[in-house]
């Protein structure tokens, strides 16, 4: 009789072990794996949200800069032309008689509310001081001007003194007219 009880006890323990193993492999282990997967997804989503917040800040900064640029261009006036401005600036600096040519530079249309315009300007016989003065006037004109390209060549001037030949491109933006 004792051996019958022992075999029932051993069978019961075997069933409990088998049920425990099945529970572990069918319920517990998948739920732990699922929790691990969800934690990894949460960490990735949190990183994505952080990146989106950074991009949102960059976007706000860019739109703020754009708004400031548009306001600056509006204050400059609709009648502003780069060519006329540069002619007036060269008279102010006293180098208008050394302008060899001024020609418009074209840029591709970006479809933006602002369009880039430019002028290529060649000046012969400038001193270093005159070059600095014209560049200073362009930079600090508050007209939203940029000198993206400049070429400086040394020349022999009248009387043998060294002068400079300057070829530079000056560009700015203008507001597109509303359709």
N, C-alpha and C. Protein backbone atom coordinates (compact mmCIF):
# COMPACT_ATOMS: atom_id res chain seq x y z
N UNK A 1 0.79 -1.16 0.00
CA UNK A 1 0.00 0.00 0.00
C UNK A 1 0.86 1.26 0.00
N UNK A 2 1.93 1.17 0.68
CA UNK A 2 2.85 2.27 0.74
C UNK A 2 3.45 2.54 -0.62
N UNK A 3 3.73 1.51 -1.35
CA UNK A 3 4.31 1.70 -2.67
C UNK A 3 3.31 2.34 -3.62
N UNK A 4 2.01 2.09 -3.41
CA UNK A 4 0.97 2.73 -4.23
C UNK A 4 0.89 4.21 -3.95
N UNK A 5 1.01 4.56 -2.64
CA UNK A 5 0.98 5.98 -2.28
C UNK A 5 2.23 6.67 -2.81
N UNK A 6 3.35 6.01 -2.73
CA UNK A 6 4.60 6.61 -3.23
C UNK A 6 4.52 6.85 -4.72
N UNK A 7 3.96 5.88 -5.44
CA UNK A 7 3.86 6.06 -6.88
C UNK A 7 2.88 7.17 -7.22
N UNK A 8 1.81 7.33 -6.45
CA UNK A 8 0.85 8.45 -6.67
C UNK A 8 1.54 9.76 -6.36
N UNK A 9 2.33 9.79 -5.27
CA UNK A 9 3.03 11.01 -4.87
C UNK A 9 4.06 11.38 -5.93
N UNK A 10 4.80 10.36 -6.41
CA UNK A 10 5.80 10.62 -7.44
C UNK A 10 5.12 11.09 -8.72
N UNK A 11 3.99 10.48 -9.07
CA UNK A 11 3.23 10.89 -10.26
C UNK A 11 2.72 12.32 -10.11
N UNK A 12 2.24 12.65 -8.87
CA UNK A 12 1.73 14.00 -8.63
C UNK A 12 2.86 15.02 -8.75
N UNK A 13 4.00 14.66 -8.18
CA UNK A 13 5.15 15.57 -8.26
C UNK A 13 5.59 15.72 -9.72
N UNK A 14 5.59 14.61 -10.48
CA UNK A 14 5.94 14.68 -11.89
C UNK A 14 4.98 15.57 -12.66
N UNK A 15 3.67 15.43 -12.35
CA UNK A 15 2.67 16.28 -13.02
C UNK A 15 2.90 17.74 -12.65
N UNK A 16 3.19 18.00 -11.38
CA UNK A 16 3.44 19.39 -10.94
C UNK A 16 4.68 19.95 -11.63
N UNK A 17 5.74 19.14 -11.74
CA UNK A 17 6.96 19.60 -12.41
C UNK A 17 6.68 19.87 -13.88
N UNK A 18 5.94 18.96 -14.53
CA UNK A 18 5.60 19.15 -15.94
C UNK A 18 4.75 20.40 -16.11
N UNK A 19 3.76 20.59 -15.23
CA UNK A 19 2.93 21.79 -15.30
C UNK A 19 3.77 23.04 -15.04
N UNK A 20 4.71 22.95 -14.11
CA UNK A 20 5.60 24.09 -13.83
C UNK A 20 6.46 24.43 -15.03
N UNK A 21 7.02 23.38 -15.68
CA UNK A 21 7.84 23.61 -16.87
C UNK A 21 6.99 24.20 -17.99
N UNK A 22 5.80 23.64 -18.19
CA UNK A 22 4.89 24.17 -19.22
C UNK A 22 4.51 25.63 -18.91
N UNK A 23 4.22 25.92 -17.65
CA UNK A 23 3.87 27.28 -17.24
C UNK A 23 5.04 28.22 -17.55
N UNK A 24 6.24 27.75 -17.21
CA UNK A 24 7.43 28.57 -17.44
C UNK A 24 7.60 28.87 -18.94
N UNK A 25 7.51 27.84 -19.79
CA UNK A 25 7.76 28.02 -21.22
C UNK A 25 6.59 28.63 -21.97
N UNK A 26 5.36 28.41 -21.50
CA UNK A 26 4.20 28.92 -22.23
C UNK A 26 3.66 30.24 -21.70
N UNK A 27 3.92 30.57 -20.43
CA UNK A 27 3.34 31.79 -19.86
C UNK A 27 4.43 32.74 -19.37
N UNK A 28 5.25 32.28 -18.44
CA UNK A 28 6.21 33.16 -17.78
C UNK A 28 7.30 33.68 -18.74
N UNK A 29 7.98 32.78 -19.44
CA UNK A 29 9.06 33.18 -20.33
C UNK A 29 8.58 34.12 -21.45
N UNK A 30 7.46 33.83 -22.14
CA UNK A 30 6.98 34.78 -23.15
C UNK A 30 6.62 36.15 -22.57
N UNK A 31 6.06 36.17 -21.37
CA UNK A 31 5.69 37.47 -20.79
C UNK A 31 6.94 38.27 -20.42
N UNK A 32 7.99 37.61 -19.94
CA UNK A 32 9.24 38.30 -19.63
C UNK A 32 9.87 38.84 -20.92
N UNK A 33 9.85 38.01 -21.97
CA UNK A 33 10.39 38.46 -23.27
C UNK A 33 9.58 39.63 -23.82
N UNK A 34 8.26 39.56 -23.69
CA UNK A 34 7.38 40.64 -24.16
C UNK A 34 7.67 41.93 -23.39
N UNK A 35 7.86 41.81 -22.09
CA UNK A 35 8.17 42.98 -21.27
C UNK A 35 9.50 43.60 -21.72
N UNK A 36 10.51 42.77 -21.99
CA UNK A 36 11.83 43.24 -22.44
C UNK A 36 11.68 43.97 -23.78
N UNK A 37 10.91 43.39 -24.70
CA UNK A 37 10.68 44.00 -26.02
C UNK A 37 9.98 45.35 -25.86
N UNK A 38 8.98 45.40 -24.99
CA UNK A 38 8.25 46.65 -24.78
C UNK A 38 9.16 47.72 -24.16
N UNK A 39 10.01 47.34 -23.23
CA UNK A 39 10.95 48.31 -22.63
C UNK A 39 11.91 48.86 -23.69
N UNK A 40 12.40 48.00 -24.59
CA UNK A 40 13.28 48.45 -25.66
C UNK A 40 12.54 49.42 -26.59
N UNK A 41 11.29 49.09 -26.90
CA UNK A 41 10.49 49.99 -27.76
C UNK A 41 10.26 51.32 -27.08
N UNK A 42 9.99 51.29 -25.78
CA UNK A 42 9.76 52.53 -25.03
C UNK A 42 11.02 53.39 -25.06
N UNK A 43 12.19 52.77 -24.86
CA UNK A 43 13.44 53.52 -24.88
C UNK A 43 13.66 54.14 -26.27
N UNK A 44 13.37 53.40 -27.33
CA UNK A 44 13.52 53.92 -28.69
C UNK A 44 12.55 55.08 -28.92
N UNK A 45 11.32 54.91 -28.49
CA UNK A 45 10.32 55.98 -28.67
C UNK A 45 10.71 57.22 -27.88
N UNK A 46 11.27 57.04 -26.68
CA UNK A 46 11.71 58.20 -25.89
C UNK A 46 12.86 58.92 -26.61
N UNK A 47 13.76 58.14 -27.19
CA UNK A 47 14.86 58.76 -27.97
C UNK A 47 14.30 59.50 -29.18
N UNK A 48 13.31 58.91 -29.85
CA UNK A 48 12.67 59.56 -30.99
C UNK A 48 11.99 60.86 -30.57
N UNK A 49 11.33 60.84 -29.43
CA UNK A 49 10.66 62.05 -28.92
C UNK A 49 11.70 63.13 -28.61
N UNK A 50 12.83 62.73 -28.01
CA UNK A 50 13.90 63.69 -27.74
C UNK A 50 14.41 64.31 -29.01
N UNK A 51 14.59 63.50 -30.04
CA UNK A 51 15.05 64.02 -31.33
C UNK A 51 14.01 64.96 -31.94
N UNK A 52 12.75 64.60 -31.82
CA UNK A 52 11.68 65.46 -32.35
C UNK A 52 11.65 66.80 -31.61
N UNK A 53 11.88 66.78 -30.31
CA UNK A 53 11.91 68.03 -29.54
C UNK A 53 13.08 68.90 -30.00
N UNK A 54 14.24 68.27 -30.23
CA UNK A 54 15.40 69.02 -30.74
C UNK A 54 15.10 69.62 -32.12
N UNK A 55 14.49 68.82 -32.99
CA UNK A 55 14.15 69.31 -34.33
C UNK A 55 13.12 70.44 -34.25
N UNK A 56 12.19 70.32 -33.32
CA UNK A 56 11.19 71.38 -33.14
C UNK A 56 11.88 72.69 -32.74
N UNK A 57 12.87 72.60 -31.85
CA UNK A 57 13.62 73.79 -31.45
C UNK A 57 14.37 74.39 -32.62
N UNK A 58 15.00 73.53 -33.43
CA UNK A 58 15.71 74.01 -34.61
C UNK A 58 14.74 74.67 -35.59
N UNK A 59 13.57 74.06 -35.78
CA UNK A 59 12.56 74.61 -36.68
C UNK A 59 12.12 75.99 -36.20
N UNK A 60 11.86 76.11 -34.90
CA UNK A 60 11.46 77.42 -34.35
C UNK A 60 12.54 78.46 -34.56
N UNK A 61 13.81 78.07 -34.37
CA UNK A 61 14.91 79.00 -34.58
C UNK A 61 14.98 79.43 -36.05
N UNK A 62 14.83 78.48 -36.96
CA UNK A 62 14.87 78.81 -38.39
C UNK A 62 13.71 79.70 -38.80
N UNK A 63 12.52 79.42 -38.31
CA UNK A 63 11.38 80.27 -38.67
C UNK A 63 11.53 81.66 -38.06
N UNK A 64 12.13 81.72 -36.88
CA UNK A 64 12.37 83.03 -36.26
C UNK A 64 13.38 83.83 -37.08
N UNK A 65 14.45 83.16 -37.52
CA UNK A 65 15.44 83.83 -38.37
C UNK A 65 14.81 84.29 -39.68
N UNK A 66 13.99 83.44 -40.25
CA UNK A 66 13.32 83.79 -41.51
C UNK A 66 12.44 85.02 -41.30
N UNK A 67 11.70 85.05 -40.22
CA UNK A 67 10.83 86.20 -39.93
C UNK A 67 11.64 87.47 -39.76
N UNK A 68 12.77 87.36 -39.05
CA UNK A 68 13.63 88.55 -38.87
C UNK A 68 14.19 89.01 -40.21
N UNK A 69 14.57 88.06 -41.07
CA UNK A 69 15.10 88.42 -42.39
C UNK A 69 14.03 89.11 -43.23
N UNK A 70 12.81 88.59 -43.19
CA UNK A 70 11.72 89.19 -43.95
C UNK A 70 11.46 90.62 -43.44
N UNK A 71 11.48 90.80 -42.12
CA UNK A 71 11.28 92.14 -41.56
C UNK A 71 12.40 93.09 -42.00
N UNK A 72 13.63 92.61 -42.00
CA UNK A 72 14.75 93.42 -42.44
C UNK A 72 14.59 93.81 -43.91
N UNK A 73 14.17 92.86 -44.72
CA UNK A 73 13.96 93.15 -46.15
C UNK A 73 12.82 94.13 -46.36
N UNK A 74 11.76 94.01 -45.55
CA UNK A 74 10.64 94.96 -45.67
C UNK A 74 11.09 96.37 -45.28
N UNK A 75 11.90 96.48 -44.23
CA UNK A 75 12.38 97.79 -43.80
C UNK A 75 13.28 98.42 -44.85
N UNK A 76 13.98 97.59 -45.62
CA UNK A 76 14.87 98.08 -46.67
C UNK A 76 14.07 98.75 -47.78
N UNK A 77 12.83 98.34 -47.97
CA UNK A 77 11.95 98.96 -48.96
C UNK A 77 11.86 98.18 -50.25
N UNK A 78 10.73 98.32 -50.91
CA UNK A 78 10.48 97.61 -52.18
C UNK A 78 11.32 98.17 -53.32
N UNK A 79 11.75 99.43 -53.20
CA UNK A 79 12.48 100.07 -54.29
C UNK A 79 13.98 99.81 -54.23
N UNK A 80 14.44 99.03 -53.26
CA UNK A 80 15.87 98.74 -53.13
C UNK A 80 16.33 97.91 -54.32
N UNK A 81 17.43 98.37 -54.95
CA UNK A 81 18.10 97.55 -55.97
C UNK A 81 19.56 97.47 -55.59
N UNK A 82 20.10 96.30 -55.69
CA UNK A 82 21.49 96.06 -55.31
C UNK A 82 22.45 96.88 -56.16
N UNK A 83 22.18 96.95 -57.45
CA UNK A 83 23.05 97.69 -58.36
C UNK A 83 23.14 99.17 -57.96
N UNK A 84 21.99 99.79 -57.73
CA UNK A 84 21.98 101.21 -57.33
C UNK A 84 22.65 101.41 -55.99
N UNK A 85 22.41 100.49 -55.07
CA UNK A 85 23.01 100.62 -53.75
C UNK A 85 24.53 100.55 -53.84
N UNK A 86 25.04 99.60 -54.63
CA UNK A 86 26.50 99.46 -54.76
C UNK A 86 27.12 100.67 -55.47
N UNK A 87 26.41 101.25 -56.44
CA UNK A 87 26.91 102.47 -57.09
C UNK A 87 27.00 103.61 -56.08
N UNK A 88 25.97 103.76 -55.26
CA UNK A 88 25.98 104.80 -54.23
C UNK A 88 27.08 104.57 -53.19
N UNK A 89 27.28 103.32 -52.83
CA UNK A 89 28.31 102.97 -51.86
C UNK A 89 29.71 103.28 -52.42
N UNK A 90 29.91 102.98 -53.70
CA UNK A 90 31.23 103.26 -54.31
C UNK A 90 31.48 104.77 -54.38
N UNK A 91 30.43 105.57 -54.60
CA UNK A 91 30.59 107.03 -54.57
C UNK A 91 30.95 107.49 -53.15
N UNK A 92 30.27 106.91 -52.17
CA UNK A 92 30.51 107.27 -50.77
C UNK A 92 31.96 106.98 -50.36
N UNK A 93 32.50 105.85 -50.82
CA UNK A 93 33.87 105.45 -50.48
C UNK A 93 34.87 106.18 -51.38
N UNK A 94 34.41 106.72 -52.51
CA UNK A 94 35.28 107.47 -53.42
C UNK A 94 36.00 106.61 -54.44
N UNK A 95 35.38 105.51 -54.82
CA UNK A 95 36.02 104.62 -55.80
C UNK A 95 35.15 104.40 -57.02
N UNK A 96 34.12 105.19 -57.20
CA UNK A 96 33.19 104.99 -58.32
C UNK A 96 33.87 105.15 -59.68
N UNK A 97 34.95 105.94 -59.76
CA UNK A 97 35.65 106.10 -61.03
C UNK A 97 36.51 104.88 -61.40
N UNK A 98 36.63 103.93 -60.49
CA UNK A 98 37.46 102.74 -60.76
C UNK A 98 36.64 101.48 -60.99
N UNK A 99 35.34 101.67 -61.15
CA UNK A 99 34.48 100.52 -61.46
C UNK A 99 34.68 100.17 -62.93
N UNK A 100 35.09 98.95 -63.20
CA UNK A 100 35.27 98.49 -64.57
C UNK A 100 33.96 97.96 -65.13
N UNK A 101 33.26 97.21 -64.30
CA UNK A 101 31.93 96.74 -64.71
C UNK A 101 31.15 96.28 -63.48
N UNK A 102 29.85 96.28 -63.66
CA UNK A 102 28.90 95.73 -62.68
C UNK A 102 27.88 94.97 -63.50
N UNK A 103 27.77 93.69 -63.23
CA UNK A 103 26.79 92.91 -63.99
C UNK A 103 25.99 92.02 -63.05
N UNK A 104 24.72 91.84 -63.35
CA UNK A 104 23.87 91.01 -62.50
C UNK A 104 24.30 89.54 -62.54
N UNK A 105 24.10 88.87 -61.43
CA UNK A 105 24.38 87.44 -61.32
C UNK A 105 23.04 86.76 -61.06
N UNK A 106 22.79 85.69 -61.80
CA UNK A 106 21.49 85.02 -61.61
C UNK A 106 21.65 83.80 -60.71
N UNK A 107 20.61 83.54 -59.95
CA UNK A 107 20.55 82.40 -59.05
C UNK A 107 19.28 81.62 -59.37
N UNK A 108 19.28 80.32 -59.12
CA UNK A 108 18.07 79.53 -59.40
C UNK A 108 16.92 79.95 -58.48
N UNK A 109 15.72 79.89 -59.03
CA UNK A 109 14.52 80.21 -58.26
C UNK A 109 14.20 79.02 -57.36
N UNK A 110 14.06 79.30 -56.06
CA UNK A 110 13.79 78.24 -55.10
C UNK A 110 12.31 78.11 -54.77
N UNK A 111 11.50 79.02 -55.28
CA UNK A 111 10.07 78.98 -54.97
C UNK A 111 9.76 79.53 -53.59
N UNK A 112 10.73 80.14 -52.95
CA UNK A 112 10.56 80.69 -51.61
C UNK A 112 9.95 82.09 -51.70
N UNK A 113 9.62 82.65 -50.56
CA UNK A 113 9.10 84.01 -50.53
C UNK A 113 10.22 85.03 -50.76
N UNK A 114 11.46 84.56 -50.69
CA UNK A 114 12.61 85.43 -50.95
C UNK A 114 13.38 84.89 -52.15
N UNK A 115 13.94 85.79 -52.91
CA UNK A 115 14.73 85.40 -54.08
C UNK A 115 16.11 86.02 -53.95
N UNK A 116 17.14 85.22 -54.22
CA UNK A 116 18.51 85.71 -54.14
C UNK A 116 18.87 86.46 -55.43
N UNK A 117 19.49 87.63 -55.27
CA UNK A 117 19.98 88.42 -56.40
C UNK A 117 21.43 88.77 -56.12
N UNK A 118 22.18 89.02 -57.17
CA UNK A 118 23.58 89.34 -56.98
C UNK A 118 24.12 90.22 -58.07
N UNK A 119 25.28 90.81 -57.79
CA UNK A 119 25.98 91.66 -58.74
C UNK A 119 27.45 91.28 -58.66
N UNK A 120 28.06 91.09 -59.85
CA UNK A 120 29.51 90.92 -59.90
C UNK A 120 30.09 92.28 -60.22
N UNK A 121 31.11 92.65 -59.49
CA UNK A 121 31.66 94.00 -59.54
C UNK A 121 33.17 93.89 -59.71
N UNK A 122 33.72 94.64 -60.66
CA UNK A 122 35.18 94.65 -60.81
C UNK A 122 35.68 96.06 -60.64
N UNK A 123 36.67 96.19 -59.77
CA UNK A 123 37.28 97.48 -59.46
C UNK A 123 38.78 97.38 -59.73
N UNK A 124 39.33 98.35 -60.41
CA UNK A 124 40.77 98.37 -60.70
C UNK A 124 41.41 99.55 -60.00
N UNK A 125 42.65 99.35 -59.54
CA UNK A 125 43.43 100.44 -58.98
C UNK A 125 43.10 100.79 -57.55
N UNK A 126 42.61 99.86 -56.77
CA UNK A 126 42.27 100.14 -55.38
C UNK A 126 43.47 99.94 -54.48
N UNK A 127 43.51 100.74 -53.43
CA UNK A 127 44.51 100.52 -52.39
C UNK A 127 43.90 99.54 -51.38
N UNK A 128 44.74 99.02 -50.51
CA UNK A 128 44.26 98.11 -49.48
C UNK A 128 43.25 98.82 -48.58
N UNK A 129 43.50 100.07 -48.26
CA UNK A 129 42.60 100.85 -47.41
C UNK A 129 41.22 101.01 -48.07
N UNK A 130 41.21 101.27 -49.37
CA UNK A 130 39.93 101.41 -50.07
C UNK A 130 39.16 100.09 -50.12
N UNK A 131 39.89 99.01 -50.30
CA UNK A 131 39.25 97.69 -50.28
C UNK A 131 38.60 97.43 -48.92
N UNK A 132 39.33 97.71 -47.87
CA UNK A 132 38.78 97.51 -46.52
C UNK A 132 37.55 98.40 -46.31
N UNK A 133 37.61 99.64 -46.77
CA UNK A 133 36.47 100.55 -46.59
C UNK A 133 35.22 100.06 -47.32
N UNK A 134 35.38 99.59 -48.57
CA UNK A 134 34.20 99.14 -49.32
C UNK A 134 33.64 97.86 -48.70
N UNK A 135 34.52 96.96 -48.29
CA UNK A 135 34.04 95.72 -47.66
C UNK A 135 33.36 96.02 -46.33
N UNK A 136 33.90 96.97 -45.58
CA UNK A 136 33.28 97.37 -44.31
C UNK A 136 31.89 97.95 -44.56
N UNK A 137 31.78 98.82 -45.55
CA UNK A 137 30.49 99.44 -45.86
C UNK A 137 29.46 98.40 -46.30
N UNK A 138 29.90 97.39 -47.05
CA UNK A 138 28.97 96.33 -47.47
C UNK A 138 28.53 95.52 -46.26
N UNK A 139 29.49 95.12 -45.43
CA UNK A 139 29.19 94.25 -44.29
C UNK A 139 28.28 94.93 -43.28
N UNK A 140 28.52 96.20 -43.01
CA UNK A 140 27.77 96.89 -41.96
C UNK A 140 26.69 97.83 -42.50
N UNK A 141 26.21 97.57 -43.70
CA UNK A 141 25.21 98.44 -44.32
C UNK A 141 23.80 98.19 -43.78
N UNK A 142 23.59 97.09 -43.06
CA UNK A 142 22.27 96.70 -42.56
C UNK A 142 21.28 96.50 -43.71
N UNK A 143 21.82 96.11 -44.85
CA UNK A 143 20.98 95.85 -46.03
C UNK A 143 20.95 94.37 -46.36
N UNK A 144 21.46 93.53 -45.46
CA UNK A 144 21.41 92.07 -45.62
C UNK A 144 22.23 91.64 -46.83
N UNK A 145 23.47 92.18 -46.92
CA UNK A 145 24.36 91.90 -48.04
C UNK A 145 25.43 90.90 -47.63
N UNK A 146 25.86 90.11 -48.61
CA UNK A 146 26.90 89.10 -48.38
C UNK A 146 27.89 89.17 -49.55
N UNK A 147 29.15 88.93 -49.27
CA UNK A 147 30.17 88.82 -50.31
C UNK A 147 30.61 87.36 -50.33
N UNK A 148 29.93 86.53 -51.13
CA UNK A 148 30.28 85.11 -51.12
C UNK A 148 31.56 84.78 -51.89
N UNK A 149 31.99 85.69 -52.75
CA UNK A 149 33.16 85.41 -53.58
C UNK A 149 33.92 86.70 -53.82
N UNK A 150 35.24 86.61 -53.66
CA UNK A 150 36.08 87.78 -53.95
C UNK A 150 37.41 87.28 -54.49
N UNK A 151 37.90 87.98 -55.49
CA UNK A 151 39.21 87.66 -56.08
C UNK A 151 40.03 88.93 -56.04
N UNK A 152 41.23 88.84 -55.47
CA UNK A 152 42.10 90.00 -55.32
C UNK A 152 43.39 89.73 -56.09
N UNK A 153 43.71 90.65 -57.01
CA UNK A 153 44.93 90.51 -57.80
C UNK A 153 45.77 91.77 -57.61
N UNK A 154 47.04 91.56 -57.51
CA UNK A 154 47.97 92.69 -57.38
C UNK A 154 48.28 93.22 -58.78
N UNK A 155 48.28 94.56 -58.92
CA UNK A 155 48.56 95.21 -60.22
C UNK A 155 49.61 96.30 -60.02
N UNK A 156 50.18 96.72 -61.11
CA UNK A 156 51.06 97.90 -61.09
C UNK A 156 50.21 99.10 -61.45
N UNK A 157 50.18 100.07 -60.56
CA UNK A 157 49.39 101.27 -60.81
C UNK A 157 50.21 102.34 -61.48
N UNK A 158 49.61 103.51 -61.64
CA UNK A 158 50.30 104.66 -62.22
C UNK A 158 51.45 105.04 -61.29
N UNK A 159 52.57 105.28 -61.85
CA UNK A 159 53.73 105.66 -61.04
C UNK A 159 54.43 104.46 -60.42
N UNK A 160 54.04 103.25 -60.77
CA UNK A 160 54.70 102.04 -60.29
C UNK A 160 54.24 101.52 -58.95
N UNK A 161 53.34 102.25 -58.28
CA UNK A 161 52.87 101.74 -56.97
C UNK A 161 51.94 100.54 -57.18
N UNK A 162 51.93 99.68 -56.20
CA UNK A 162 51.10 98.47 -56.28
C UNK A 162 49.66 98.81 -55.92
N UNK A 163 48.76 98.37 -56.78
CA UNK A 163 47.33 98.54 -56.51
C UNK A 163 46.66 97.17 -56.66
N UNK A 164 45.38 97.17 -56.41
CA UNK A 164 44.64 95.90 -56.44
C UNK A 164 43.55 95.92 -57.49
N UNK A 165 43.35 94.78 -58.11
CA UNK A 165 42.19 94.54 -58.98
C UNK A 165 41.27 93.61 -58.18
N UNK A 166 40.07 94.07 -57.95
CA UNK A 166 39.11 93.33 -57.14
C UNK A 166 37.95 92.89 -58.02
N UNK A 167 37.67 91.61 -58.00
CA UNK A 167 36.45 91.09 -58.63
C UNK A 167 35.68 90.41 -57.52
N UNK A 168 34.50 90.93 -57.23
CA UNK A 168 33.73 90.34 -56.13
C UNK A 168 32.27 90.22 -56.51
N UNK A 169 31.67 89.28 -55.86
CA UNK A 169 30.24 89.09 -56.04
C UNK A 169 29.57 89.51 -54.73
N UNK A 170 28.56 90.32 -54.85
CA UNK A 170 27.78 90.77 -53.71
C UNK A 170 26.36 90.26 -53.93
N UNK A 171 25.79 89.64 -52.91
CA UNK A 171 24.43 89.13 -53.09
C UNK A 171 23.57 89.49 -51.89
N UNK A 172 22.28 89.44 -52.13
CA UNK A 172 21.29 89.70 -51.10
C UNK A 172 20.01 88.98 -51.49
N UNK A 173 18.98 89.21 -50.74
CA UNK A 173 17.67 88.62 -51.04
C UNK A 173 16.66 89.75 -51.20
N UNK A 174 15.69 89.50 -52.05
CA UNK A 174 14.56 90.42 -52.18
C UNK A 174 13.29 89.61 -51.98
N UNK A 175 12.26 90.30 -51.54
CA UNK A 175 10.98 89.63 -51.33
C UNK A 175 10.30 89.44 -52.68
N UNK A 176 9.76 88.26 -52.90
CA UNK A 176 9.00 87.99 -54.13
C UNK A 176 7.70 88.76 -54.07
N UNK A 177 7.29 89.25 -55.16
CA UNK A 177 5.99 89.94 -55.22
C UNK A 177 4.88 88.90 -55.11
N UNK A 178 3.84 89.23 -54.34
CA UNK A 178 2.71 88.31 -54.20
C UNK A 178 1.94 88.23 -55.50
N UNK A 179 1.48 87.02 -55.81
CA UNK A 179 0.73 86.83 -57.06
C UNK A 179 -0.66 87.35 -56.94
